[in-house]
Amino acid sequence: MSTLPSALQAPPSAPDVLGRCRELVRPALAEAVGRLHPWVAEMAAYSFGWCEVGGAPAAAPGGKGVRQALAVLGAEAAGADGRAGVPAAVAVELVHAFSLLHDDIMDGDATRRRRPAVWKAYGTGPAVLAGDALFALAVETLAATPGGPRAVRLLSTALADLVRGQADDLLFAARPFAGPERVTPEEYRVMAEHKTGALLGCAAALGAALGGAPEPAIAALDRAGRHLGVAFQLVDDVLGIWGDSAVTGKPVGGDLRERKKTFPVLAALGSPAARHLPELLACDARTEEAAALIEEAGGRAAALAEARARTAAARALLTELPLAAGAAGELCALLDFLVGRDL
């Protein structure tokens, strides 16, 4: 059994955990990016918020560093020093950046973290090139570790699932909101596990593998990360409809105007109360009505209930593993923080 902290102990602060892991990983990540062609390295640095177009230093908002934290904590959960998980953290952060560069192009998203997306700042072709370089650099980073072949196989499996999830997500856009061809909530769950969960699971599993964990623990951490990924995506879906734009950086109702087939919408469409929802979604001027109807039909509640169930499943897996106490507690703190954010 895991040695999770007792209820009498103060839980670790998730922001502090994320900050500690970012500080540990940042030098190795910067060193890896520095090995790229200078122009490509600048685009990569821009995507991480380290510089402006042209290379001038910047302190733009970056990501939370969830994946790199999972890699570090995966190594620590195996009883190793967190530094053992740093190559895994660098690799998954590079792959995550690669996926965002390409996602923004595929989705036509012009901004990322309140700045022009890389493809808007540098051009579509250069952004594709930068994404390809980041992917290659991730593989190179893992191949250079003592457990290189095993680590690269883990990453390859996650990447195959990520691509599968992205393909399904793109195909969902062409399917109707109603009728026999509509996207079902179960199809969405599978897509989210692949598109978002695969890399989160891979991060924890890679860190554990480099930290010397046994195969059952590696597999369980991968499953826990996948559950977390689905929960993370569902919370994103809720924020995309009802979130505070000042916090999320996204326009209120933006997902509805873009007619995204998110989980709250799909869950609501299964209710008789939402029979008029497709016509509301077809009109940009009626997003407020659509959001209210989705909530009335239970879409918001269903998404949050599913997110909590996935978090509970991830926590159960962690509880069953013989993990180092500190890392186990920090992993559980991350679960609660990521699923409870801004709701």
C-alpha atoms as a PDB file:
ATOM      1  CA  MET A   1       0.000   0.000   0.000  1.00  0.00           C
ATOM      2  CA  SER A   2       1.063   3.578  -0.633  1.00  0.00           C
ATOM      3  CA  THR A   3       2.278   5.620   2.309  1.00  0.00           C
ATOM      4  CA  LEU A   4       0.108   8.652   1.587  1.00  0.00           C
ATOM      5  CA  PRO A   5       0.231  11.515   4.102  1.00  0.00           C
ATOM      6  CA  SER A   6      -2.215  11.214   6.970  1.00  0.00           C
ATOM      7  CA  ALA A   7      -5.155  13.560   7.302  1.00  0.00           C
ATOM      8  CA  LEU A   8      -3.355  15.270  10.193  1.00  0.00           C
ATOM      9  CA  GLN A   9      -0.546  16.491   7.958  1.00  0.00           C
ATOM     10  CA  ALA A  10      -0.902  19.679   5.933  1.00  0.00           C
ATOM     11  CA  PRO A  11      -1.206  18.736   2.259  1.00  0.00           C
ATOM     12  CA  PRO A  12       1.543  20.006  -0.019  1.00  0.00           C
ATOM     13  CA  SER A  13       0.783  23.061  -2.127  1.00  0.00           C
ATOM     14  CA  ALA A  14       0.267  22.083  -5.760  1.00  0.00           C
ATOM     15  CA  PRO A  15       1.559  25.444  -7.093  1.00  0.00           C
ATOM     16  CA  ASP A  16       4.697  24.952  -5.017  1.00  0.00           C
ATOM     17  CA  VAL A  17       5.097  21.424  -6.392  1.00  0.00           C
ATOM     18  CA  LEU A  18       4.752  22.706  -9.943  1.00  0.00           C
ATOM     19  CA  GLY A  19       7.216  25.528  -9.282  1.00  0.00           C
ATOM     20  CA  ARG A  20       9.786  23.205  -7.710  1.00  0.00           C
ATOM     21  CA  CYS A  21       9.641  20.834 -10.660  1.00  0.00           C
ATOM     22  CA  ARG A  22       9.844  23.638 -13.229  1.00  0.00           C
ATOM     23  CA  GLU A  23      12.968  24.998 -11.530  1.00  0.00           C
ATOM     24  CA  LEU A  24      14.540  21.541 -11.550  1.00  0.00           C
ATOM     25  CA  VAL A  25      13.769  20.926 -15.217  1.00  0.00           C
ATOM     26  CA  ARG A  26      14.308  24.399 -16.718  1.00  0.00           C
ATOM     27  CA  PRO A  27      18.140  24.247 -17.092  1.00  0.00           C
ATOM     28  CA  ALA A  28      18.025  20.900 -18.902  1.00  0.00           C
ATOM     29  CA  LEU A  29      15.125  22.049 -21.081  1.00  0.00           C
ATOM     30  CA  ALA A  30      16.970  25.250 -22.016  1.00  0.00           C
ATOM     31  CA  GLU A  31      20.136  23.263 -22.777  1.00  0.00           C
ATOM     32  CA  ALA A  32      18.189  20.907 -25.065  1.00  0.00           C
ATOM     33  CA  VAL A  33      16.507  23.786 -26.938  1.00  0.00           C
ATOM     34  CA  GLY A  34      19.906  25.432 -27.315  1.00  0.00           C
ATOM     35  CA  ARG A  35      21.091  22.469 -29.402  1.00  0.00           C
ATOM     36  CA  LEU A  36      18.598  23.306 -32.152  1.00  0.00           C
ATOM     37  CA  HIS A  37      19.243  25.479 -35.212  1.00  0.00           C
ATOM     38  CA  PRO A  38      19.287  29.089 -33.893  1.00  0.00           C
ATOM     39  CA  TRP A  39      16.136  30.138 -35.762  1.00  0.00           C
ATOM     40  CA  VAL A  40      14.247  27.029 -34.696  1.00  0.00           C
ATOM     41  CA  ALA A  41      15.544  27.471 -31.137  1.00  0.00           C
ATOM     42  CA  GLU A  42      14.158  31.016 -31.111  1.00  0.00           C
ATOM     43  CA  MET A  43      10.708  29.769 -32.145  1.00  0.00           C
ATOM     44  CA  ALA A  44      10.863  27.100 -29.457  1.00  0.00           C
ATOM     45  CA  ALA A  45      11.932  29.665 -26.851  1.00  0.00           C
ATOM     46  CA  TYR A  46       9.084  31.939 -27.973  1.00  0.00           C
ATOM     47  CA  SER A  47       6.620  29.073 -27.530  1.00  0.00           C
ATOM     48  CA  PHE A  48       7.864  28.564 -23.959  1.00  0.00           C
ATOM     49  CA  GLY A  49       7.522  32.299 -23.224  1.00  0.00           C
ATOM     50  CA  TRP A  50      11.269  32.848 -22.869  1.00  0.00           C
ATOM     51  CA  CYS A  51      11.695  35.429 -25.661  1.00  0.00           C
ATOM     52  CA  GLU A  52       9.931  37.748 -28.068  1.00  0.00           C
ATOM     53  CA  VAL A  53       9.976  37.479 -31.849  1.00  0.00           C
ATOM     54  CA  GLY A  54      13.547  38.336 -32.769  1.00  0.00           C
ATOM     55  CA  GLY A  55      15.005  36.761 -29.638  1.00  0.00           C
ATOM     56  CA  ALA A  56      14.764  39.576 -27.061  1.00  0.00           C
ATOM     57  CA  PRO A  57      14.367  38.066 -23.574  1.00  0.00           C
ATOM     58  CA  ALA A  58      10.808  37.926 -22.230  1.00  0.00           C
ATOM     59  CA  ALA A  59       8.941  36.648 -19.227  1.00  0.00           C
ATOM     60  CA  ALA A  60       5.676  35.795 -20.950  1.00  0.00           C
ATOM     61  CA  PRO A  61       3.210  33.405 -19.307  1.00  0.00           C
ATOM     62  CA  GLY A  62       4.212  29.804 -19.827  1.00  0.00           C
ATOM     63  CA  GLY A  63       2.322  26.621 -19.106  1.00  0.00           C
ATOM     64  CA  LYS A  64       1.836  25.188 -15.628  1.00  0.00           C
ATOM     65  CA  GLY A  65       4.423  22.488 -16.312  1.00  0.00           C
ATOM     66  CA  VAL A  66       2.052  19.667 -15.382  1.00  0.00           C
ATOM     67  CA  ARG A  67       3.707  17.057 -17.566  1.00  0.00           C
ATOM     68  CA  GLN A  68       7.223  17.796 -16.404  1.00  0.00           C
ATOM     69  CA  ALA A  69       6.028  17.715 -12.788  1.00  0.00           C
ATOM     70  CA  LEU A  70       4.482  14.298 -13.342  1.00  0.00           C
ATOM     71  CA  ALA A  71       7.778  13.019 -14.751  1.00  0.00           C
ATOM     72  CA  VAL A  72       9.791  14.311 -11.785  1.00  0.00           C
ATOM     73  CA  LEU A  73       7.240  12.991  -9.296  1.00  0.00           C
ATOM     74  CA  GLY A  74       7.142   9.650 -11.110  1.00  0.00           C
ATOM     75  CA  ALA A  75      10.860   9.245 -10.463  1.00  0.00           C
ATOM     76  CA  GLU A  76      10.503  10.370  -6.856  1.00  0.00           C
ATOM     77  CA  ALA A  77       7.558   8.023  -6.333  1.00  0.00           C
ATOM     78  CA  ALA A  78       9.873   5.175  -7.332  1.00  0.00           C
ATOM     79  CA  GLY A  79      12.240   6.228  -4.560  1.00  0.00           C
ATOM     80  CA  ALA A  80      14.774   7.933  -6.837  1.00  0.00           C
ATOM     81  CA  ASP A  81      16.051  11.492  -6.768  1.00  0.00           C
ATOM     82  CA  GLY A  82      13.836  13.787  -8.828  1.00  0.00           C
ATOM     83  CA  ARG A  83      16.789  14.490 -11.115  1.00  0.00           C
ATOM     84  CA  ALA A  84      16.450  10.966 -12.473  1.00  0.00           C
ATOM     85  CA  GLY A  85      13.161  12.040 -14.042  1.00  0.00           C
ATOM     86  CA  VAL A  86      14.501  15.223 -15.639  1.00  0.00           C
ATOM     87  CA  PRO A  87      15.228  13.669 -19.086  1.00  0.00           C
ATOM     88  CA  ALA A  88      11.657  12.327 -19.106  1.00  0.00           C
ATOM     89  CA  ALA A  89      10.367  15.766 -18.073  1.00  0.00           C
ATOM     90  CA  VAL A  90      12.319  17.455 -20.874  1.00  0.00           C
ATOM     91  CA  ALA A  91      11.092  14.945 -23.442  1.00  0.00           C
ATOM     92  CA  VAL A  92       7.413  15.219 -22.553  1.00  0.00           C
ATOM     93  CA  GLU A  93       7.604  19.024 -22.360  1.00  0.00           C
ATOM     94  CA  LEU A  94       9.150  19.100 -25.841  1.00  0.00           C
ATOM     95  CA  VAL A  95       6.452  16.778 -27.182  1.00  0.00           C
ATOM     96  CA  HIS A  96       3.740  18.854 -25.527  1.00  0.00           C
ATOM     97  CA  ALA A  97       5.142  22.017 -27.131  1.00  0.00           C
ATOM     98  CA  PHE A  98       5.336  20.228 -30.485  1.00  0.00           C
ATOM     99  CA  SER A  99       1.675  19.191 -30.193  1.00  0.00           C
ATOM    100  CA  LEU A 100       0.567  22.733 -29.316  1.00  0.00           C
ATOM    101  CA  LEU A 101       2.408  24.253 -32.277  1.00  0.00           C
ATOM    102  CA  HIS A 102       0.708  21.840 -34.666  1.00  0.00           C
ATOM    103  CA  ASP A 103      -2.685  21.977 -32.889  1.00  0.00           C
ATOM    104  CA  ASP A 104      -2.830  25.754 -33.221  1.00  0.00           C
ATOM    105  CA  ILE A 105      -2.258  25.436 -36.959  1.00  0.00           C
ATOM    106  CA  MET A 106      -4.842  22.670 -37.406  1.00  0.00           C
ATOM    107  CA  ASP A 107      -7.446  24.473 -35.290  1.00  0.00           C
ATOM    108  CA  GLY A 108      -6.698  27.933 -36.695  1.00  0.00           C
ATOM    109  CA  ASP A 109      -6.077  29.301 -33.190  1.00  0.00           C
ATOM    110  CA  ALA A 110      -4.284  32.641 -33.575  1.00  0.00           C
ATOM    111  CA  THR A 111      -3.330  33.115 -29.922  1.00  0.00           C
ATOM    112  CA  ARG A 112      -1.684  30.975 -27.273  1.00  0.00           C
ATOM    113  CA  ARG A 113      -1.332  32.185 -23.660  1.00  0.00           C
ATOM    114  CA  ARG A 114      -2.379  35.721 -24.619  1.00  0.00           C
ATOM    115  CA  ARG A 115       0.299  36.060 -27.325  1.00  0.00           C
ATOM    116  CA  PRO A 116       0.248  35.372 -31.061  1.00  0.00           C
ATOM    117  CA  ALA A 117       0.632  31.645 -31.678  1.00  0.00           C
ATOM    118  CA  VAL A 118       3.943  30.622 -33.206  1.00  0.00           C
ATOM    119  CA  TRP A 119       2.381  30.200 -36.657  1.00  0.00           C
ATOM    120  CA  LYS A 120       0.972  33.739 -36.506  1.00  0.00           C
ATOM    121  CA  ALA A 121       4.252  35.187 -35.228  1.00  0.00           C
ATOM    122  CA  TYR A 122       6.624  33.334 -37.584  1.00  0.00           C
ATOM    123  CA  GLY A 123       4.495  31.782 -40.324  1.00  0.00           C
ATOM    124  CA  THR A 124       2.863  28.397 -40.821  1.00  0.00           C
ATOM    125  CA  GLY A 125       5.825  26.682 -42.466  1.00  0.00           C
ATOM    126  CA  PRO A 126       8.335  27.755 -39.828  1.00  0.00           C
ATOM    127  CA  ALA A 127       5.944  26.691 -37.038  1.00  0.00           C
ATOM    128  CA  VAL A 128       5.585  23.225 -38.568  1.00  0.00           C
ATOM    129  CA  LEU A 129       9.367  22.990 -38.823  1.00  0.00           C
ATOM    130  CA  ALA A 130       9.790  24.045 -35.194  1.00  0.00           C
ATOM    131  CA  GLY A 131       7.270  21.446 -34.079  1.00  0.00           C
ATOM    132  CA  ASP A 132       9.066  18.721 -36.018  1.00  0.00           C
ATOM    133  CA  ALA A 133      12.375  19.776 -34.458  1.00  0.00           C
ATOM    134  CA  LEU A 134      10.923  19.619 -30.945  1.00  0.00           C
ATOM    135  CA  PHE A 135       9.605  16.121 -31.564  1.00  0.00           C
ATOM    136  CA  ALA A 136      12.977  14.917 -32.867  1.00  0.00           C
ATOM    137  CA  LEU A 137      14.736  16.537 -29.916  1.00  0.00           C
ATOM    138  CA  ALA A 138      12.426  14.726 -27.480  1.00  0.00           C
ATOM    139  CA  VAL A 139      13.324  11.349 -28.968  1.00  0.00           C
ATOM    140  CA  GLU A 140      17.029  12.236 -28.942  1.00  0.00           C
ATOM    141  CA  THR A 141      16.786  13.263 -25.272  1.00  0.00           C
ATOM    142  CA  LEU A 142      15.291   9.941 -24.219  1.00  0.00           C
ATOM    143  CA  ALA A 143      17.536   7.837 -26.447  1.00  0.00           C
ATOM    144  CA  ALA A 144      20.567   9.234 -24.602  1.00  0.00           C
ATOM    145  CA  THR A 145      19.368   7.904 -21.208  1.00  0.00           C
ATOM    146  CA  PRO A 146      20.477   4.533 -19.756  1.00  0.00           C
ATOM    147  CA  GLY A 147      16.949   3.209 -20.269  1.00  0.00           C
ATOM    148  CA  GLY A 148      16.732   4.726 -23.748  1.00  0.00           C
ATOM    149  CA  PRO A 149      15.081   1.918 -25.756  1.00  0.00           C
ATOM    150  CA  ARG A 150      12.366   1.326 -23.151  1.00  0.00           C
ATOM    151  CA  ALA A 151      11.791   5.058 -22.699  1.00  0.00           C
ATOM    152  CA  VAL A 152      11.492   5.681 -26.439  1.00  0.00           C
ATOM    153  CA  ARG A 153       8.969   2.833 -26.733  1.00  0.00           C
ATOM    154  CA  LEU A 154       6.845   4.378 -23.974  1.00  0.00           C
ATOM    155  CA  LEU A 155       6.944   7.753 -25.708  1.00  0.00           C
ATOM    156  CA  SER A 156       6.139   6.206 -29.104  1.00  0.00           C
ATOM    157  CA  THR A 157       3.046   4.503 -27.697  1.00  0.00           C
ATOM    158  CA  ALA A 158       1.842   7.762 -26.192  1.00  0.00           C
ATOM    159  CA  LEU A 159       2.478   9.645 -29.430  1.00  0.00           C
ATOM    160  CA  ALA A 160       0.491   7.104 -31.440  1.00  0.00           C
ATOM    161  CA  ASP A 161      -2.434   7.590 -29.073  1.00  0.00           C
ATOM    162  CA  LEU A 162      -2.045  11.375 -29.161  1.00  0.00           C
ATOM    163  CA  VAL A 163      -2.253  11.364 -32.956  1.00  0.00           C
ATOM    164  CA  ARG A 164      -5.267   9.038 -32.826  1.00  0.00           C
ATOM    165  CA  GLY A 165      -7.006  11.405 -30.417  1.00  0.00           C
ATOM    166  CA  GLN A 166      -6.190  14.457 -32.523  1.00  0.00           C
ATOM    167  CA  ALA A 167      -7.529  12.711 -35.635  1.00  0.00           C
ATOM    168  CA  ASP A 168     -10.794  11.865 -33.882  1.00  0.00           C
ATOM    169  CA  ASP A 169     -11.101  15.426 -32.572  1.00  0.00           C
ATOM    170  CA  LEU A 170     -10.703  16.842 -36.079  1.00  0.00           C
ATOM    171  CA  LEU A 171     -13.242  14.367 -37.484  1.00  0.00           C
ATOM    172  CA  PHE A 172     -15.745  15.250 -34.756  1.00  0.00           C
ATOM    173  CA  ALA A 173     -15.941  18.779 -36.164  1.00  0.00           C
ATOM    174  CA  ALA A 174     -17.559  17.490 -39.363  1.00  0.00           C
ATOM    175  CA  ARG A 175     -20.188  15.387 -37.591  1.00  0.00           C
ATOM    176  CA  PRO A 176     -23.673  16.710 -36.690  1.00  0.00           C
ATOM    177  CA  PHE A 177     -24.963  17.567 -33.232  1.00  0.00           C
ATOM    178  CA  ALA A 178     -28.071  15.413 -33.728  1.00  0.00           C
ATOM    179  CA  GLY A 179     -29.029  12.187 -35.422  1.00  0.00           C
ATOM    180  CA  PRO A 180     -27.372   8.786 -35.733  1.00  0.00           C
ATOM    181  CA  GLU A 181     -24.028  10.264 -36.809  1.00  0.00           C
ATOM    182  CA  ARG A 182     -23.659  12.529 -33.780  1.00  0.00           C
ATOM    183  CA  VAL A 183     -20.652  12.192 -31.482  1.00  0.00           C
ATOM    184  CA  THR A 184     -21.446  10.234 -28.312  1.00  0.00           C
ATOM    185  CA  PRO A 185     -20.079  10.989 -24.842  1.00  0.00           C
ATOM    186  CA  GLU A 186     -18.262   7.635 -24.870  1.00  0.00           C
ATOM    187  CA  GLU A 187     -16.505   8.503 -28.141  1.00  0.00           C
ATOM    188  CA  TYR A 188     -15.475  11.777 -26.562  1.00  0.00           C
ATOM    189  CA  ARG A 189     -14.052  10.004 -23.488  1.00  0.00           C
ATOM    190  CA  VAL A 190     -11.891   7.813 -25.713  1.00  0.00           C
ATOM    191  CA  MET A 191     -10.711  10.833 -27.728  1.00  0.00           C
ATOM    192  CA  ALA A 192      -9.826  12.770 -24.564  1.00  0.00           C
ATOM    193  CA  GLU A 193      -7.890   9.866 -23.084  1.00  0.00           C
ATOM    194  CA  HIS A 194      -5.829   9.644 -26.261  1.00  0.00           C
ATOM    195  CA  LYS A 195      -5.388  13.343 -27.021  1.00  0.00           C
ATOM    196  CA  THR A 196      -4.823  14.619 -23.473  1.00  0.00           C
ATOM    197  CA  GLY A 197      -4.406  11.604 -21.217  1.00  0.00           C
ATOM    198  CA  ALA A 198      -1.772   9.696 -23.191  1.00  0.00           C
ATOM    199  CA  LEU A 199       0.989  12.250 -22.655  1.00  0.00           C
ATOM    200  CA  LEU A 200       0.111  12.822 -18.986  1.00  0.00           C
ATOM    201  CA  GLY A 201       0.249   9.083 -18.372  1.00  0.00           C
ATOM    202  CA  CYS A 202       3.452   8.803 -20.348  1.00  0.00           C
ATOM    203  CA  ALA A 203       5.064  11.573 -18.276  1.00  0.00           C
ATOM    204  CA  ALA A 204       4.481   9.797 -14.964  1.00  0.00           C
ATOM    205  CA  ALA A 205       5.387   6.402 -16.433  1.00  0.00           C
ATOM    206  CA  LEU A 206       8.600   7.681 -18.036  1.00  0.00           C
ATOM    207  CA  GLY A 207       9.735   9.320 -14.813  1.00  0.00           C
ATOM    208  CA  ALA A 208       9.032   6.122 -12.899  1.00  0.00           C
ATOM    209  CA  ALA A 209      10.842   4.019 -15.498  1.00  0.00           C
ATOM    210  CA  LEU A 210      13.955   6.203 -15.329  1.00  0.00           C
ATOM    211  CA  GLY A 211      13.679   6.101 -11.539  1.00  0.00           C
ATOM    212  CA  GLY A 212      13.874   2.306 -11.553  1.00  0.00           C
ATOM    213  CA  ALA A 213      10.240   1.450 -10.775  1.00  0.00           C
ATOM    214  CA  PRO A 214       8.956  -2.085 -11.528  1.00  0.00           C
ATOM    215  CA  GLU A 215       6.747  -2.636 -14.569  1.00  0.00           C
ATOM    216  CA  PRO A 216       3.426  -2.891 -12.644  1.00  0.00           C
ATOM    217  CA  ALA A 217       4.048   0.500 -11.025  1.00  0.00           C
ATOM    218  CA  ILE A 218       4.983   2.048 -14.387  1.00  0.00           C
ATOM    219  CA  ALA A 219       1.779   0.736 -15.964  1.00  0.00           C
ATOM    220  CA  ALA A 220      -0.372   1.901 -13.030  1.00  0.00           C
ATOM    221  CA  LEU A 221       1.101   5.405 -13.155  1.00  0.00           C
ATOM    222  CA  ASP A 222       0.391   5.515 -16.881  1.00  0.00           C
ATOM    223  CA  ARG A 223      -3.258   4.599 -16.231  1.00  0.00           C
ATOM    224  CA  ALA A 224      -3.524   7.176 -13.444  1.00  0.00           C
ATOM    225  CA  GLY A 225      -2.162   9.866 -15.758  1.00  0.00           C
ATOM    226  CA  ARG A 226      -4.657   8.926 -18.443  1.00  0.00           C
ATOM    227  CA  HIS A 227      -7.533   9.278 -15.972  1.00  0.00           C
ATOM    228  CA  LEU A 228      -6.126  12.660 -14.976  1.00  0.00           C
ATOM    229  CA  GLY A 229      -5.954  13.660 -18.641  1.00  0.00           C
ATOM    230  CA  VAL A 230      -9.647  12.980 -19.185  1.00  0.00           C
ATOM    231  CA  ALA A 231     -10.522  14.905 -16.022  1.00  0.00           C
ATOM    232  CA  PHE A 232      -8.263  17.781 -17.102  1.00  0.00           C
ATOM    233  CA  GLN A 233      -9.964  17.917 -20.526  1.00  0.00           C
ATOM    234  CA  LEU A 234     -13.449  17.883 -19.013  1.00  0.00           C
ATOM    235  CA  VAL A 235     -12.598  20.787 -16.712  1.00  0.00           C
ATOM    236  CA  ASP A 236     -11.228  22.632 -19.750  1.00  0.00           C
ATOM    237  CA  ASP A 237     -14.558  22.002 -21.485  1.00  0.00           C
ATOM    238  CA  VAL A 238     -16.493  23.499 -18.579  1.00  0.00           C
ATOM    239  CA  LEU A 239     -14.190  26.528 -18.471  1.00  0.00           C
ATOM    240  CA  GLY A 240     -14.539  26.918 -22.235  1.00  0.00           C
ATOM    241  CA  ILE A 241     -18.271  27.579 -21.780  1.00  0.00           C
ATOM    242  CA  TRP A 242     -18.652  29.080 -18.298  1.00  0.00           C
ATOM    243  CA  GLY A 243     -15.137  30.157 -17.311  1.00  0.00           C
ATOM    244  CA  ASP A 244     -14.076  33.700 -16.430  1.00  0.00           C
ATOM    245  CA  SER A 245     -12.303  35.071 -19.507  1.00  0.00           C
ATOM    246  CA  ALA A 246     -10.042  37.180 -17.278  1.00  0.00           C
ATOM    247  CA  VAL A 247      -8.737  33.943 -15.784  1.00  0.00           C
ATOM    248  CA  THR A 248      -8.887  31.551 -18.731  1.00  0.00           C
ATOM    249  CA  GLY A 249      -7.723  33.993 -21.402  1.00  0.00           C
ATOM    250  CA  LYS A 250     -10.529  32.710 -23.647  1.00  0.00           C
ATOM    251  CA  PRO A 251     -13.670  34.627 -24.688  1.00  0.00           C
ATOM    252  CA  VAL A 252     -16.813  33.651 -22.783  1.00  0.00           C
ATOM    253  CA  GLY A 253     -18.715  31.077 -24.803  1.00  0.00           C
ATOM    254  CA  GLY A 254     -15.900  30.761 -27.327  1.00  0.00           C
ATOM    255  CA  ASP A 255     -16.214  26.989 -27.549  1.00  0.00           C
ATOM    256  CA  LEU A 256     -19.932  27.345 -28.343  1.00  0.00           C
ATOM    257  CA  ARG A 257     -19.349  29.917 -31.085  1.00  0.00           C
ATOM    258  CA  GLU A 258     -16.752  27.578 -32.583  1.00  0.00           C
ATOM    259  CA  ARG A 259     -19.327  24.785 -32.299  1.00  0.00           C
ATOM    260  CA  LYS A 260     -16.890  22.493 -30.535  1.00  0.00           C
ATOM    261  CA  LYS A 261     -18.299  19.137 -29.550  1.00  0.00           C
ATOM    262  CA  THR A 262     -17.227  19.266 -25.935  1.00  0.00           C
ATOM    263  CA  PHE A 263     -18.434  16.903 -23.235  1.00  0.00           C
ATOM    264  CA  PRO A 264     -21.020  19.234 -21.597  1.00  0.00           C
ATOM    265  CA  VAL A 265     -22.649  19.772 -25.000  1.00  0.00           C
ATOM    266  CA  LEU A 266     -22.673  16.068 -25.867  1.00  0.00           C
ATOM    267  CA  ALA A 267     -24.017  15.084 -22.440  1.00  0.00           C
ATOM    268  CA  ALA A 268     -26.767  17.715 -22.648  1.00  0.00           C
ATOM    269  CA  LEU A 269     -27.820  16.580 -26.113  1.00  0.00           C
ATOM    270  CA  GLY A 270     -28.772  13.228 -24.629  1.00  0.00           C
ATOM    271  CA  SER A 271     -31.507  14.919 -22.562  1.00  0.00           C
ATOM    272  CA  PRO A 272     -35.025  15.635 -23.899  1.00  0.00           C
ATOM    273  CA  ALA A 273     -34.691  19.071 -22.288  1.00  0.00           C
ATOM    274  CA  ALA A 274     -32.067  19.981 -24.899  1.00  0.00           C
ATOM    275  CA  ARG A 275     -34.086  19.239 -28.036  1.00  0.00           C
ATOM    276  CA  HIS A 276     -33.701  22.865 -29.193  1.00  0.00           C
ATOM    277  CA  LEU A 277     -29.967  23.002 -28.448  1.00  0.00           C
ATOM    278  CA  PRO A 278     -28.748  22.252 -32.021  1.00  0.00           C
ATOM    279  CA  GLU A 279     -30.584  25.293 -33.390  1.00  0.00           C
ATOM    280  CA  LEU A 280     -29.173  27.507 -30.638  1.00  0.00           C
ATOM    281  CA  LEU A 281     -25.646  26.241 -31.379  1.00  0.00           C
ATOM    282  CA  ALA A 282     -26.115  27.163 -35.042  1.00  0.00           C
ATOM    283  CA  CYS A 283     -26.544  30.851 -34.145  1.00  0.00           C
ATOM    284  CA  ASP A 284     -23.565  32.886 -32.883  1.00  0.00           C
ATOM    285  CA  ALA A 285     -25.878  35.416 -31.238  1.00  0.00           C
ATOM    286  CA  ARG A 286     -27.493  32.795 -28.995  1.00  0.00           C
ATOM    287  CA  THR A 287     -24.507  31.384 -27.123  1.00  0.00           C
ATOM    288  CA  GLU A 288     -25.789  32.628 -23.758  1.00  0.00           C
ATOM    289  CA  GLU A 289     -29.069  30.813 -24.332  1.00  0.00           C
ATOM    290  CA  ALA A 290     -27.164  27.721 -25.423  1.00  0.00           C
ATOM    291  CA  ALA A 291     -24.977  27.785 -22.301  1.00  0.00           C
ATOM    292  CA  ALA A 292     -28.046  28.126 -20.065  1.00  0.00           C
ATOM    293  CA  LEU A 293     -29.803  25.232 -21.807  1.00  0.00           C
ATOM    294  CA  ILE A 294     -26.725  23.008 -21.578  1.00  0.00           C
ATOM    295  CA  GLU A 295     -26.617  23.637 -17.827  1.00  0.00           C
ATOM    296  CA  GLU A 296     -30.368  23.091 -17.450  1.00  0.00           C
ATOM    297  CA  ALA A 297     -30.091  19.801 -19.362  1.00  0.00           C
ATOM    298  CA  GLY A 298     -27.344  18.581 -17.027  1.00  0.00           C
ATOM    299  CA  GLY A 299     -24.321  18.977 -19.295  1.00  0.00           C
ATOM    300  CA  ARG A 300     -22.219  20.946 -16.830  1.00  0.00           C
ATOM    301  CA  ALA A 301     -23.049  18.634 -13.919  1.00  0.00           C
ATOM    302  CA  ALA A 302     -22.305  15.551 -16.031  1.00  0.00           C
ATOM    303  CA  ALA A 303     -18.879  16.876 -17.064  1.00  0.00           C
ATOM    304  CA  LEU A 304     -17.894  17.733 -13.500  1.00  0.00           C
ATOM    305  CA  ALA A 305     -19.172  14.400 -12.175  1.00  0.00           C
ATOM    306  CA  GLU A 306     -17.131  12.550 -14.792  1.00  0.00           C
ATOM    307  CA  ALA A 307     -14.055  14.638 -13.958  1.00  0.00           C
ATOM    308  CA  ARG A 308     -14.408  13.795 -10.270  1.00  0.00           C
ATOM    309  CA  ALA A 309     -14.892  10.101 -11.062  1.00  0.00           C
ATOM    310  CA  ARG A 310     -11.713  10.081 -13.157  1.00  0.00           C
ATOM    311  CA  THR A 311      -9.820  11.847 -10.380  1.00  0.00           C
ATOM    312  CA  ALA A 312     -11.062   9.259  -7.882  1.00  0.00           C
ATOM    313  CA  ALA A 313      -9.926   6.462 -10.208  1.00  0.00           C
ATOM    314  CA  ALA A 314      -6.467   8.014 -10.495  1.00  0.00           C
ATOM    315  CA  ARG A 315      -6.249   8.456  -6.716  1.00  0.00           C
ATOM    316  CA  ALA A 316      -7.264   4.826  -6.173  1.00  0.00           C
ATOM    317  CA  LEU A 317      -4.450   3.649  -8.422  1.00  0.00           C
ATOM    318  CA  LEU A 318      -1.939   5.793  -6.543  1.00  0.00           C
ATOM    319  CA  THR A 319      -3.204   4.545  -3.198  1.00  0.00           C
ATOM    320  CA  GLU A 320      -2.681   0.924  -4.219  1.00  0.00           C
ATOM    321  CA  LEU A 321       0.953   1.454  -5.207  1.00  0.00           C
ATOM    322  CA  PRO A 322       3.940   1.277  -2.835  1.00  0.00           C
ATOM    323  CA  LEU A 323       5.032   4.844  -3.593  1.00  0.00           C
ATOM    324  CA  ALA A 324       7.425   7.061  -1.656  1.00  0.00           C
ATOM    325  CA  ALA A 325       5.249   9.081   0.719  1.00  0.00           C
ATOM    326  CA  GLY A 326       6.297  12.602  -0.295  1.00  0.00           C
ATOM    327  CA  ALA A 327       5.832  12.047  -4.025  1.00  0.00           C
ATOM    328  CA  ALA A 328       2.542  10.208  -3.484  1.00  0.00           C
ATOM    329  CA  GLY A 329       1.157  13.145  -1.520  1.00  0.00           C
ATOM    330  CA  GLU A 330       2.308  15.638  -4.131  1.00  0.00           C
ATOM    331  CA  LEU A 331       0.763  13.590  -6.942  1.00  0.00           C
ATOM    332  CA  CYS A 332      -2.564  13.569  -5.100  1.00  0.00           C
ATOM    333  CA  ALA A 333      -2.298  17.315  -4.479  1.00  0.00           C
ATOM    334  CA  LEU A 334      -1.847  17.848  -8.227  1.00  0.00           C
ATOM    335  CA  LEU A 335      -4.974  15.796  -8.956  1.00  0.00           C
ATOM    336  CA  ASP A 336      -7.116  17.986  -6.731  1.00  0.00           C
ATOM    337  CA  PHE A 337      -5.556  21.225  -7.962  1.00  0.00           C
ATOM    338  CA  LEU A 338      -5.900  20.500 -11.681  1.00  0.00           C
ATOM    339  CA  VAL A 339      -9.473  19.299 -11.502  1.00  0.00           C
ATOM    340  CA  GLY A 340     -10.620  22.023  -9.093  1.00  0.00           C
ATOM    341  CA  ARG A 341      -8.994  24.948 -10.943  1.00  0.00           C
ATOM    342  CA  ASP A 342     -11.067  28.097 -11.377  1.00  0.00           C
ATOM    343  CA  LEU A 343     -14.432  26.309 -10.931  1.00  0.00           C
END
